[in-house]
């Protein structure tokens, strides 16, 4: 469990393929050529044709869509496909980077021209180019004296409309009420199916639904466009987010699927056996609807920011449950404090959050960054700080100073916390040993100036400041339950599988009796 993105990908492009579609009844797609020829990941290459031609679909216009393959270490490899009308082949780019706009443009540049030398030169340029800094520009040649320039997305920043085509397609196809419904169902980790006649819309809606969950990320089965040979995944007895072409879904017995949330992106209809939207705190859903309906949100990051602010209301207080464990010198997360510090109306939902794998991934990632002194000043933290300023929360404002200090000092605060002096006598069960409070105290003492941790402040002076702040956070239940890194995580729910890794082809779910089909499925990582 954790982030699906590789932290330091080696290159922009892993592999380029041209895939020939099925020829005749019973035919199977196959790769006609690839670049580089040295790419030898056989498991990936066997999966690419099936995901490039997942099922029969209308091909009257150019369609771009993406698929995801999951490695054994749970990291995603993205496949970016281009289907041209009337063509018997499709182009695919494989990358560890979720840069849809950049790679959709690249597939177009590699699709035309009569000079094979231009194609080779373009692919070599992309393959050899170093991975640019997020937010910077990348220049890719695609013919003699011709280039295209694109801006590399930063997945620590919010996606914008119209630049992010996945979010634009999702916002155009699905109304506010249904976007909120899918968002709520993802927060409760349901089995979710999105369906459409167009694979481009299908892929975009699935990718966007996961996108607006940031800074959390879907941790279960994730298939933007379901290949026909994997249709039995719809019978999986665990959470999933799967895009299914309308024609394929009609061949499945719905009673075999069981309880699932289904979004028809063409008709803009959600059917669900659950009351997930009503189960969220009303103040959160009311604010979310209002922000999504605001006219100025149609351009820029307004749509993504509306969902982000809803998540800030739900989980933004996680920092108030952080504390420092003296025994192993780590920042940890206290489950009981997280619940107790929520308003009474939100405590029930907070308890449910503790059992969600998407929330666990979020906490683990934040703790890992704090314990290694990495930057934590992203859009989520900035929104938390703004909420703290509006609500007058002293603890949140103090944490803002802590985050700023870590960013400026490159982790010096964390390193000092781990030193033996002057804090070695503080007990790990004191709420005031939270690193955010330590940093805040020192920031206040120095009049808001940049914190410079060199162990100069005496314990007597520090203890006096802590006594004043401890009243803000007094709570006897302070034993940490979640520990990042090498610590132990208690009450961790069973991990569900991720996107498919195939060892053999399962039998089809079409036909057959209820309840017996899933038992025939033989897929690595999934129970029989």
Protein backbone atom coordinates (compact mmCIF):
# COMPACT_ATOMS: atom_id res chain seq x y z
CA UNK A 1 0.00 0.00 0.00
CA UNK A 2 1.22 3.51 -0.77
CA UNK A 3 1.62 5.89 -3.65
CA UNK A 4 1.08 4.33 -7.06
CA UNK A 5 3.62 6.66 -8.70
CA UNK A 6 7.31 5.90 -8.90
CA UNK A 7 9.16 8.57 -7.00
CA UNK A 8 12.12 8.91 -9.38
CA UNK A 9 11.31 7.51 -12.86
CA UNK A 10 14.40 7.12 -15.01
CA UNK A 11 12.95 8.32 -18.28
CA UNK A 12 9.91 9.89 -19.93
CA UNK A 13 9.16 6.94 -22.19
CA UNK A 14 9.46 3.26 -21.34
CA UNK A 15 8.25 1.83 -24.63
CA UNK A 16 6.35 2.72 -27.83
CA UNK A 17 4.23 0.08 -29.56
CA UNK A 18 2.12 -0.25 -32.66
CA UNK A 19 -0.63 -2.78 -32.02
CA UNK A 20 -2.65 -4.54 -34.72
CA UNK A 21 -6.30 -5.08 -33.83
CA UNK A 22 -8.14 -8.42 -33.94
CA UNK A 23 -8.58 -9.69 -37.49
CA UNK A 24 -11.75 -11.69 -37.99
CA UNK A 25 -13.87 -13.49 -35.46
CA UNK A 26 -11.80 -14.91 -32.66
CA UNK A 27 -8.69 -12.99 -33.70
CA UNK A 28 -6.40 -11.52 -31.11
CA UNK A 29 -4.48 -8.22 -31.16
CA UNK A 30 -0.69 -8.31 -31.41
CA UNK A 31 2.30 -5.95 -31.37
CA UNK A 32 3.69 -5.33 -34.85
CA UNK A 33 6.60 -3.12 -33.81
CA UNK A 34 8.07 -1.53 -30.70
CA UNK A 35 10.71 0.96 -29.63
CA UNK A 36 13.22 0.44 -28.20
CA UNK A 37 13.72 -3.09 -29.48
CA UNK A 38 15.59 -3.84 -26.25
CA UNK A 39 12.45 -3.46 -24.12
CA UNK A 40 11.92 -6.99 -22.79
CA UNK A 41 9.34 -6.85 -20.00
CA UNK A 42 7.33 -9.81 -21.25
CA UNK A 43 4.55 -9.48 -18.69
CA UNK A 44 3.86 -5.92 -19.82
CA UNK A 45 4.17 -6.74 -23.52
CA UNK A 46 1.67 -9.61 -23.19
CA UNK A 47 -0.87 -7.29 -21.55
CA UNK A 48 -0.53 -4.29 -23.89
CA UNK A 49 -2.49 -5.70 -26.89
CA UNK A 50 -5.47 -6.73 -24.74
CA UNK A 51 -5.65 -3.35 -23.04
CA UNK A 52 -5.16 -1.44 -26.30
CA UNK A 53 -8.11 -3.26 -27.92
CA UNK A 54 -10.14 -3.99 -24.77
CA UNK A 55 -13.45 -4.64 -26.52
CA UNK A 56 -15.33 -3.74 -29.70
CA UNK A 57 -16.15 -0.01 -29.81
CA UNK A 58 -17.12 2.64 -32.33
CA UNK A 59 -14.11 4.08 -34.08
CA UNK A 60 -15.57 6.89 -36.18
CA UNK A 61 -13.41 9.62 -34.60
CA UNK A 62 -9.95 9.76 -33.08
CA UNK A 63 -10.06 8.38 -29.56
CA UNK A 64 -7.41 8.75 -26.89
CA UNK A 65 -7.66 6.69 -23.73
CA UNK A 66 -5.35 5.30 -21.09
CA UNK A 67 -4.94 2.06 -19.20
CA UNK A 68 -2.95 1.11 -16.11
CA UNK A 69 -0.75 -1.91 -15.42
CA UNK A 70 0.34 -2.63 -11.84
CA UNK A 71 3.78 -4.02 -11.06
CA UNK A 72 4.59 -6.41 -8.23
CA UNK A 73 5.61 -3.45 -6.05
CA UNK A 74 2.14 -1.89 -6.62
CA UNK A 75 3.43 0.90 -8.89
CA UNK A 76 1.50 1.92 -11.97
CA UNK A 77 2.67 1.94 -15.56
CA UNK A 78 0.41 4.06 -17.77
CA UNK A 79 -0.47 3.14 -21.33
CA UNK A 80 -1.55 6.04 -23.56
CA UNK A 81 -3.46 4.86 -26.66
CA UNK A 82 -4.44 6.54 -29.92
CA UNK A 83 -7.07 4.99 -32.18
CA UNK A 84 -7.54 6.68 -35.55
CA UNK A 85 -10.83 6.23 -37.48
CA UNK A 86 -10.69 3.42 -40.02
CA UNK A 87 -7.28 2.25 -38.88
CA UNK A 88 -6.57 -1.39 -38.06
CA UNK A 89 -3.73 -0.43 -35.74
CA UNK A 90 -3.33 1.72 -32.65
CA UNK A 91 -0.33 3.49 -31.13
CA UNK A 92 0.63 3.10 -27.48
CA UNK A 93 3.15 4.88 -25.28
CA UNK A 94 4.13 3.31 -21.95
CA UNK A 95 5.38 5.54 -19.15
CA UNK A 96 5.59 5.65 -15.36
CA UNK A 97 4.43 9.28 -15.50
CA UNK A 98 0.68 10.17 -15.47
CA UNK A 99 1.19 12.93 -18.04
CA UNK A 100 -1.86 12.35 -20.21
CA UNK A 101 -1.76 15.56 -22.22
CA UNK A 102 1.95 15.28 -23.04
CA UNK A 103 1.72 11.66 -24.18
CA UNK A 104 -1.53 12.01 -26.09
CA UNK A 105 0.18 14.73 -28.13
CA UNK A 106 3.22 12.52 -28.56
CA UNK A 107 1.15 9.61 -29.91
CA UNK A 108 -0.31 12.01 -32.50
CA UNK A 109 3.16 13.20 -33.53
CA UNK A 110 4.29 9.59 -34.01
CA UNK A 111 1.25 8.67 -36.11
CA UNK A 112 1.85 10.58 -39.33
CA UNK A 113 4.51 11.21 -41.89
CA UNK A 114 6.00 9.04 -44.59
CA UNK A 115 9.57 9.23 -43.39
CA UNK A 116 10.33 6.45 -40.89
CA UNK A 117 13.45 8.38 -39.96
CA UNK A 118 11.26 11.13 -38.47
CA UNK A 119 9.47 8.57 -36.30
CA UNK A 120 12.74 7.06 -35.10
CA UNK A 121 14.23 10.48 -34.36
CA UNK A 122 11.15 11.51 -32.37
CA UNK A 123 11.12 8.32 -30.31
CA UNK A 124 14.84 8.47 -29.65
CA UNK A 125 14.55 12.08 -28.51
CA UNK A 126 11.76 11.25 -26.07
CA UNK A 127 13.46 8.08 -24.85
CA UNK A 128 16.82 9.72 -24.19
CA UNK A 129 15.49 12.98 -22.74
CA UNK A 130 15.93 13.39 -18.98
CA UNK A 131 12.74 13.62 -16.96
CA UNK A 132 12.03 17.37 -16.70
CA UNK A 133 11.06 19.11 -13.51
CA UNK A 134 7.26 19.16 -12.95
CA UNK A 135 5.85 22.45 -14.16
CA UNK A 136 8.66 23.03 -16.63
CA UNK A 137 8.44 22.78 -20.42
CA UNK A 138 9.48 19.81 -22.52
CA UNK A 139 10.36 20.15 -26.21
CA UNK A 140 9.95 17.12 -28.46
CA UNK A 141 10.99 17.03 -32.15
CA UNK A 142 8.68 15.02 -34.39
CA UNK A 143 9.88 15.85 -37.92
CA UNK A 144 12.61 17.79 -39.67
CA UNK A 145 12.73 21.22 -38.00
CA UNK A 146 9.38 20.61 -36.29
CA UNK A 147 8.80 20.51 -32.56
CA UNK A 148 6.01 20.60 -30.08
CA UNK A 149 6.33 22.11 -26.62
CA UNK A 150 4.30 20.97 -23.63
CA UNK A 151 4.15 21.81 -19.95
CA UNK A 152 4.91 18.90 -17.64
CA UNK A 153 2.19 18.52 -15.00
CA UNK A 154 2.98 18.63 -11.31
CA UNK A 155 1.00 16.00 -9.43
CA UNK A 156 1.50 17.96 -6.22
CA UNK A 157 -0.55 20.76 -7.79
CA UNK A 158 -4.24 20.76 -8.60
CA UNK A 159 -5.32 19.91 -12.17
CA UNK A 160 -6.93 22.70 -14.15
CA UNK A 161 -9.68 22.99 -16.75
CA UNK A 162 -9.39 22.99 -19.77
CA UNK A 163 -5.73 21.83 -19.62
CA UNK A 164 -6.54 18.50 -17.94
CA UNK A 165 -8.70 16.69 -20.47
CA UNK A 166 -9.70 13.92 -18.05
CA UNK A 167 -11.18 16.37 -15.57
CA UNK A 168 -12.79 18.41 -18.37
CA UNK A 169 -14.49 15.32 -19.81
CA UNK A 170 -15.69 14.23 -16.37
CA UNK A 171 -17.07 17.67 -15.52
CA UNK A 172 -18.88 17.93 -18.87
CA UNK A 173 -20.40 14.44 -18.70
CA UNK A 174 -21.42 14.22 -15.04
CA UNK A 175 -23.43 16.77 -13.07
CA UNK A 176 -22.61 18.07 -9.60
CA UNK A 177 -24.89 15.72 -7.67
CA UNK A 178 -23.51 12.62 -9.36
CA UNK A 179 -19.88 13.74 -8.99
CA UNK A 180 -20.54 14.16 -5.26
CA UNK A 181 -22.15 10.69 -5.17
CA UNK A 182 -19.12 9.01 -6.77
CA UNK A 183 -16.77 10.98 -4.52
CA UNK A 184 -18.68 9.77 -1.45
CA UNK A 185 -18.69 6.16 -2.66
CA UNK A 186 -14.93 6.29 -3.17
CA UNK A 187 -14.50 7.60 0.37
CA UNK A 188 -16.43 4.54 1.58
CA UNK A 189 -14.35 2.28 -0.72
CA UNK A 190 -17.26 0.73 -2.62
CA UNK A 191 -17.27 -1.41 -5.73
CA UNK A 192 -17.70 1.25 -8.41
CA UNK A 193 -18.42 0.78 -12.12
CA UNK A 194 -18.35 3.62 -14.64
CA UNK A 195 -19.76 2.87 -18.06
CA UNK A 196 -19.90 4.61 -21.46
CA UNK A 197 -20.09 3.78 -25.15
CA UNK A 198 -16.92 5.82 -25.81
CA UNK A 199 -13.69 4.44 -24.41
CA UNK A 200 -12.17 7.93 -24.37
CA UNK A 201 -14.93 9.20 -22.06
CA UNK A 202 -14.77 6.01 -20.02
CA UNK A 203 -11.05 6.30 -19.37
CA UNK A 204 -11.26 10.03 -18.62
CA UNK A 205 -14.05 9.66 -16.05
CA UNK A 206 -12.30 6.85 -14.17
CA UNK A 207 -8.97 8.72 -14.11
CA UNK A 208 -10.66 11.98 -13.03
CA UNK A 209 -12.65 10.29 -10.25
CA UNK A 210 -9.37 9.12 -8.77
CA UNK A 211 -7.74 12.49 -9.46
CA UNK A 212 -10.17 14.48 -7.30
CA UNK A 213 -9.46 12.14 -4.39
CA UNK A 214 -5.98 13.72 -4.01
CA UNK A 215 -4.06 13.88 -1.67
CA UNK A 216 -5.47 10.40 -1.08
CA UNK A 217 -5.24 7.79 -3.82
CA UNK A 218 -7.32 4.74 -4.67
CA UNK A 219 -5.64 1.65 -3.22
CA UNK A 220 -7.76 -1.13 -4.69
CA UNK A 221 -8.47 -2.63 -8.11
CA UNK A 222 -8.19 0.17 -10.67
CA UNK A 223 -8.95 -0.46 -14.36
CA UNK A 224 -9.84 2.60 -16.47
CA UNK A 225 -11.04 0.45 -19.40
CA UNK A 226 -11.81 -3.20 -18.68
CA UNK A 227 -10.59 -5.71 -21.31
CA UNK A 228 -13.17 -8.30 -22.25
CA UNK A 229 -11.03 -11.21 -21.04
CA UNK A 230 -10.99 -9.70 -17.51
CA UNK A 231 -14.74 -9.33 -17.18
CA UNK A 232 -14.74 -11.62 -14.14
CA UNK A 233 -13.11 -8.78 -12.20
CA UNK A 234 -16.62 -7.35 -11.86
CA UNK A 235 -17.36 -10.27 -9.55
CA UNK A 236 -14.46 -9.46 -7.22
CA UNK A 237 -15.67 -9.38 -3.58
CA UNK A 238 -13.57 -6.32 -2.72
CA UNK A 239 -13.49 -2.60 -3.58
CA UNK A 240 -12.76 -1.63 -7.18
CA UNK A 241 -12.99 1.29 -9.59
CA UNK A 242 -13.50 -0.08 -13.09
CA UNK A 243 -14.53 1.44 -16.40
CA UNK A 244 -16.67 -0.89 -18.53
CA UNK A 245 -17.75 -0.23 -22.10
CA UNK A 246 -21.55 -0.24 -22.39
CA UNK A 247 -21.59 -3.09 -24.88
CA UNK A 248 -19.56 -5.29 -22.57
CA UNK A 249 -21.62 -4.48 -19.48
CA UNK A 250 -24.83 -5.63 -21.20
CA UNK A 251 -23.34 -9.13 -21.49
CA UNK A 252 -22.87 -9.46 -17.74
CA UNK A 253 -25.54 -10.77 -15.41
CA UNK A 254 -26.10 -7.83 -13.03
CA UNK A 255 -27.30 -10.12 -10.25
CA UNK A 256 -23.87 -11.80 -10.35
CA UNK A 257 -22.14 -8.46 -9.74
CA UNK A 258 -24.04 -7.84 -6.51
CA UNK A 259 -23.95 -4.54 -4.63
CA UNK A 260 -22.12 -1.98 -6.72
CA UNK A 261 -22.33 1.72 -7.50
CA UNK A 262 -22.82 2.29 -11.24
CA UNK A 263 -22.34 5.58 -13.08
CA UNK A 264 -23.62 5.76 -16.66
CA UNK A 265 -21.48 8.62 -17.97
CA UNK A 266 -23.48 8.87 -21.21
CA UNK A 267 -26.85 9.23 -19.49
CA UNK A 268 -25.48 10.98 -16.36
CA UNK A 269 -27.22 8.52 -14.03
CA UNK A 270 -25.90 6.97 -10.81
CA UNK A 271 -27.50 3.87 -9.32
CA UNK A 272 -26.41 2.76 -5.87
CA UNK A 273 -27.71 0.50 -3.09
CA UNK A 274 -25.97 2.75 -0.53
CA UNK A 275 -26.66 6.16 0.98
CA UNK A 276 -23.05 7.31 0.87
CA UNK A 277 -23.68 11.00 0.20
CA UNK A 278 -26.10 11.21 3.12
CA UNK A 279 -23.54 9.46 5.33
CA UNK A 280 -21.01 12.25 4.87
CA UNK A 281 -21.19 15.24 7.24
CA UNK A 282 -23.87 17.56 5.85
CA UNK A 283 -21.76 20.69 6.17
CA UNK A 284 -19.10 19.07 3.95
CA UNK A 285 -21.47 18.02 1.17
CA UNK A 286 -23.32 21.36 1.27
CA UNK A 287 -20.08 23.30 0.84
CA UNK A 288 -18.88 20.93 -1.88
CA UNK A 289 -22.08 21.33 -3.91
CA UNK A 290 -21.97 25.09 -3.54
CA UNK A 291 -18.33 25.30 -4.67
CA UNK A 292 -18.91 23.00 -7.66
CA UNK A 293 -21.93 25.00 -8.81
CA UNK A 294 -20.05 28.30 -8.63
CA UNK A 295 -19.72 29.71 -12.16
CA UNK A 296 -16.06 30.68 -11.79
CA UNK A 297 -15.09 27.05 -11.08
CA UNK A 298 -15.54 26.01 -14.69
CA UNK A 299 -12.11 27.39 -15.61
CA UNK A 300 -8.85 26.83 -13.74
CA UNK A 301 -8.45 24.63 -10.67
CA UNK A 302 -11.88 25.46 -9.18
CA UNK A 303 -13.37 21.97 -9.64
CA UNK A 304 -10.37 20.17 -8.16
CA UNK A 305 -10.11 22.74 -5.36
CA UNK A 306 -13.76 22.20 -4.42
CA UNK A 307 -13.05 18.51 -3.75
CA UNK A 308 -9.78 19.38 -2.02
CA UNK A 309 -11.55 21.72 0.39
CA UNK A 310 -14.06 18.98 1.19
CA UNK A 311 -11.16 16.68 2.09
CA UNK A 312 -9.60 19.43 4.19
CA UNK A 313 -12.84 19.57 6.20
CA UNK A 314 -12.77 15.79 6.59
CA UNK A 315 -9.10 14.99 7.27
CA UNK A 316 -7.34 18.36 7.57
CA UNK A 317 -7.03 18.02 11.34
CA UNK A 318 -4.75 14.97 11.04
CA UNK A 319 -1.78 17.15 12.10
CA UNK A 320 -3.40 17.77 15.49
CA UNK A 321 -3.10 14.03 16.13
CA UNK A 322 0.64 13.93 15.40
CA UNK A 323 3.05 13.36 18.24
CA UNK A 324 6.70 12.52 18.81
CA UNK A 325 7.70 9.09 20.16
CA UNK A 326 10.82 9.38 22.23
CA UNK A 327 11.63 5.65 22.17
CA UNK A 328 12.28 5.48 18.42
CA UNK A 329 12.52 9.23 17.68
CA UNK A 330 9.65 9.15 15.18
CA UNK A 331 6.63 11.30 14.52
CA UNK A 332 3.51 9.13 14.83
CA UNK A 333 -0.24 9.41 14.43
CA UNK A 334 -2.67 8.95 17.31
CA UNK A 335 -5.96 7.44 16.14
CA UNK A 336 -7.87 8.25 19.31
CA UNK A 337 -6.86 11.89 19.27
CA UNK A 338 -7.85 12.21 15.61
CA UNK A 339 -11.41 11.17 16.48
CA UNK A 340 -11.66 13.06 19.77
CA UNK A 341 -10.65 16.39 18.24
CA UNK A 342 -13.41 16.27 15.63
CA UNK A 343 -16.79 17.92 16.26
CA UNK A 344 -19.34 15.47 17.64
CA UNK A 345 -21.25 15.43 14.35
CA UNK A 346 -18.14 14.24 12.50
CA UNK A 347 -16.73 11.72 14.96
CA UNK A 348 -18.67 8.79 13.56
CA UNK A 349 -17.29 9.41 10.08
CA UNK A 350 -13.79 9.97 11.51
CA UNK A 351 -13.90 6.48 13.03
CA UNK A 352 -14.81 5.04 9.62
CA UNK A 353 -11.93 6.94 8.03
CA UNK A 354 -9.48 5.12 10.27
CA UNK A 355 -10.42 1.82 8.59
CA UNK A 356 -9.99 3.06 5.01
CA UNK A 357 -6.88 2.12 3.08
CA UNK A 358 -6.97 5.40 1.15
CA UNK A 359 -6.68 7.27 4.45
CA UNK A 360 -3.93 4.96 5.70
CA UNK A 361 -1.94 5.66 2.55
CA UNK A 362 -2.35 9.39 3.11
CA UNK A 363 -1.17 9.21 6.73
CA UNK A 364 1.79 6.96 5.89
CA UNK A 365 2.92 9.30 3.12
CA UNK A 366 2.67 12.41 5.34
CA UNK A 367 4.53 10.71 8.19
CA UNK A 368 7.26 9.53 5.85
CA UNK A 369 7.77 13.07 4.60
CA UNK A 370 7.84 14.55 8.08
CA UNK A 371 10.22 11.93 9.43
CA UNK A 372 12.66 12.48 6.55
CA UNK A 373 12.35 16.26 6.47
CA UNK A 374 10.89 16.39 2.96
CA UNK A 375 8.75 19.24 1.71
CA UNK A 376 5.14 19.09 2.88
CA UNK A 377 3.94 22.43 1.56
CA UNK A 378 1.51 21.34 -1.15
CA UNK A 379 -1.93 22.67 -2.06
CA UNK A 380 -3.58 20.50 0.57
CA UNK A 381 -1.46 21.92 3.39
CA UNK A 382 -2.01 25.45 2.12
CA UNK A 383 -5.79 24.94 2.23
CA UNK A 384 -5.48 23.53 5.76
CA UNK A 385 -3.61 26.66 6.79
CA UNK A 386 -6.26 28.91 5.25
CA UNK A 387 -8.99 27.00 7.07
CA UNK A 388 -7.04 27.36 10.30
CA UNK A 389 -6.73 31.10 9.84
CA UNK A 390 -10.44 31.45 9.14
CA UNK A 391 -11.44 29.29 12.10
CA UNK A 392 -8.88 30.80 14.48
CA UNK A 393 -7.39 27.39 15.25
CA UNK A 394 -4.14 28.06 17.08
CA UNK A 395 -2.84 24.53 16.63
CA UNK A 396 -3.32 24.68 12.85
CA UNK A 397 -1.58 28.04 12.67
CA UNK A 398 1.28 26.66 14.71
CA UNK A 399 1.57 23.70 12.37
CA UNK A 400 1.74 26.09 9.44
CA UNK A 401 4.87 27.58 11.00
CA UNK A 402 6.26 24.08 11.41
CA UNK A 403 5.69 23.22 7.73
CA UNK A 404 7.28 26.48 6.62
CA UNK A 405 10.31 25.84 8.78
CA UNK A 406 10.81 22.33 7.41
CA UNK A 407 10.59 23.67 3.87
CA UNK A 408 13.15 26.42 4.50
CA UNK A 409 15.59 24.52 6.67
CA UNK A 410 15.60 21.27 4.72
CA UNK A 411 14.67 19.04 7.64
CA UNK A 412 16.87 20.62 10.31
CA UNK A 413 13.95 20.63 12.73
CA UNK A 414 13.40 16.91 12.39
CA UNK A 415 17.09 16.17 12.84
CA UNK A 416 17.21 18.21 16.03
CA UNK A 417 14.11 16.47 17.39
CA UNK A 418 15.97 13.18 17.02
CA UNK A 419 19.03 14.42 18.92
CA UNK A 420 19.41 13.52 22.57
CA UNK A 421 19.47 17.03 23.96
CA UNK A 422 17.59 19.15 25.00
CA UNK A 423 14.39 17.04 24.70
CA UNK A 424 15.53 13.63 25.93
CA UNK A 425 13.58 13.95 29.19
CA UNK A 426 10.22 14.54 27.49
CA UNK A 427 7.88 11.58 27.69
CA UNK A 428 6.29 10.25 24.50
CA UNK A 429 2.82 10.26 26.07
CA UNK A 430 2.73 14.04 26.50
CA UNK A 431 0.52 15.76 23.92
CA UNK A 432 2.85 18.74 23.92
CA UNK A 433 5.76 16.74 22.50
CA UNK A 434 4.15 17.01 19.09
CA UNK A 435 6.82 18.35 16.67
CA UNK A 436 4.36 20.90 15.31
CA UNK A 437 3.98 22.36 18.79
CA UNK A 438 7.76 22.36 19.35
CA UNK A 439 8.34 24.31 16.18
CA UNK A 440 5.44 26.64 16.87
CA UNK A 441 6.76 27.48 20.33
CA UNK A 442 10.16 28.37 18.97
CA UNK A 443 8.64 30.40 16.16
CA UNK A 444 6.53 32.39 18.64
CA UNK A 445 9.54 32.94 20.91
CA UNK A 446 11.58 34.42 18.08
CA UNK A 447 8.81 36.73 16.97
CA UNK A 448 7.87 34.80 13.83
CA UNK A 449 11.44 34.70 12.46
CA UNK A 450 12.82 31.62 10.67
CA UNK A 451 13.49 28.78 13.06
CA UNK A 452 17.15 27.77 13.41
CA UNK A 453 17.40 24.50 15.26
CA UNK A 454 20.82 24.06 16.82
CA UNK A 455 19.88 22.94 20.32
CA UNK A 456 20.44 26.41 21.84
CA UNK A 457 17.15 26.72 23.68
CA UNK A 458 17.27 25.34 27.21
CA UNK A 459 14.83 22.77 28.43
CA UNK A 460 13.56 25.14 31.15
CA UNK A 461 12.56 27.78 28.63
CA UNK A 462 11.00 25.22 26.29
CA UNK A 463 8.99 23.59 29.11
CA UNK A 464 7.46 26.92 30.05
CA UNK A 465 6.13 27.40 26.53
CA UNK A 466 4.81 23.86 26.33
CA UNK A 467 2.79 24.34 29.51
CA UNK A 468 0.85 27.17 27.86
CA UNK A 469 0.11 25.16 24.73
CA UNK A 470 -0.71 21.88 26.42
CA UNK A 471 -4.14 23.20 27.42
CA UNK A 472 -5.04 23.39 23.73
CA UNK A 473 -4.41 19.71 23.21
CA UNK A 474 -5.13 18.07 26.56
CA UNK A 475 -6.31 14.53 26.00
CA UNK A 476 -5.42 11.48 28.07
CA UNK A 477 -5.62 9.10 25.10
CA UNK A 478 -2.25 9.67 23.55
CA UNK A 479 -0.82 6.27 22.75
CA UNK A 480 -0.01 6.25 19.05
CA UNK A 481 -1.76 3.59 17.01
CA UNK A 482 -0.31 4.26 13.57
CA UNK A 483 3.43 4.38 13.11
CA UNK A 484 5.18 5.05 9.84
CA UNK A 485 8.32 3.39 8.57
CA UNK A 486 9.58 0.54 10.69
CA UNK A 487 6.95 0.95 13.42
CA UNK A 488 3.90 -1.24 13.80
CA UNK A 489 0.51 -0.29 12.41
CA UNK A 490 -2.33 -1.63 14.54
CA UNK A 491 -5.83 -2.50 13.37
CA UNK A 492 -4.73 -2.36 9.75
CA UNK A 493 -7.44 -3.80 7.54
CA UNK A 494 -6.67 -6.46 5.05
CA UNK A 495 -5.11 -5.13 1.85
CA UNK A 496 -7.15 -5.52 -1.29
CA UNK A 497 -5.48 -6.30 -4.61
CA UNK A 498 -4.61 -3.61 -7.09
CA UNK A 499 -4.92 -3.56 -10.84
CA UNK A 500 -4.53 -6.94 -12.51
CA UNK A 501 -1.41 -9.00 -12.91
CA UNK A 502 -2.42 -11.97 -14.98
CA UNK A 503 -1.03 -15.50 -14.74
CA UNK A 504 -3.67 -17.18 -16.87
CA UNK A 505 -6.75 -16.18 -18.77
CA UNK A 506 -9.95 -16.50 -16.69
CA UNK A 507 -13.16 -17.90 -18.08
CA UNK A 508 -15.80 -15.39 -19.07
CA UNK A 509 -18.44 -14.20 -16.67
CA UNK A 510 -21.03 -14.17 -19.45
CA UNK A 511 -23.55 -16.88 -18.69
CA UNK A 512 -23.38 -19.25 -15.75
CA UNK A 513 -25.15 -19.22 -12.43
CA UNK A 514 -24.89 -16.64 -9.67
CA UNK A 515 -22.13 -17.05 -7.14
CA UNK A 516 -20.18 -19.73 -9.00
CA UNK A 517 -18.28 -17.61 -11.47
CA UNK A 518 -15.81 -15.91 -9.16
CA UNK A 519 -14.61 -19.27 -7.86
CA UNK A 520 -13.30 -20.06 -11.38
CA UNK A 521 -11.10 -16.97 -11.50
CA UNK A 522 -7.34 -17.59 -11.30
CA UNK A 523 -5.63 -14.20 -11.06
CA UNK A 524 -2.47 -13.39 -9.14
CA UNK A 525 -3.25 -11.43 -6.01
CA UNK A 526 -6.96 -12.24 -5.97
CA UNK A 527 -8.59 -14.97 -3.87
CA UNK A 528 -10.35 -17.74 -5.63
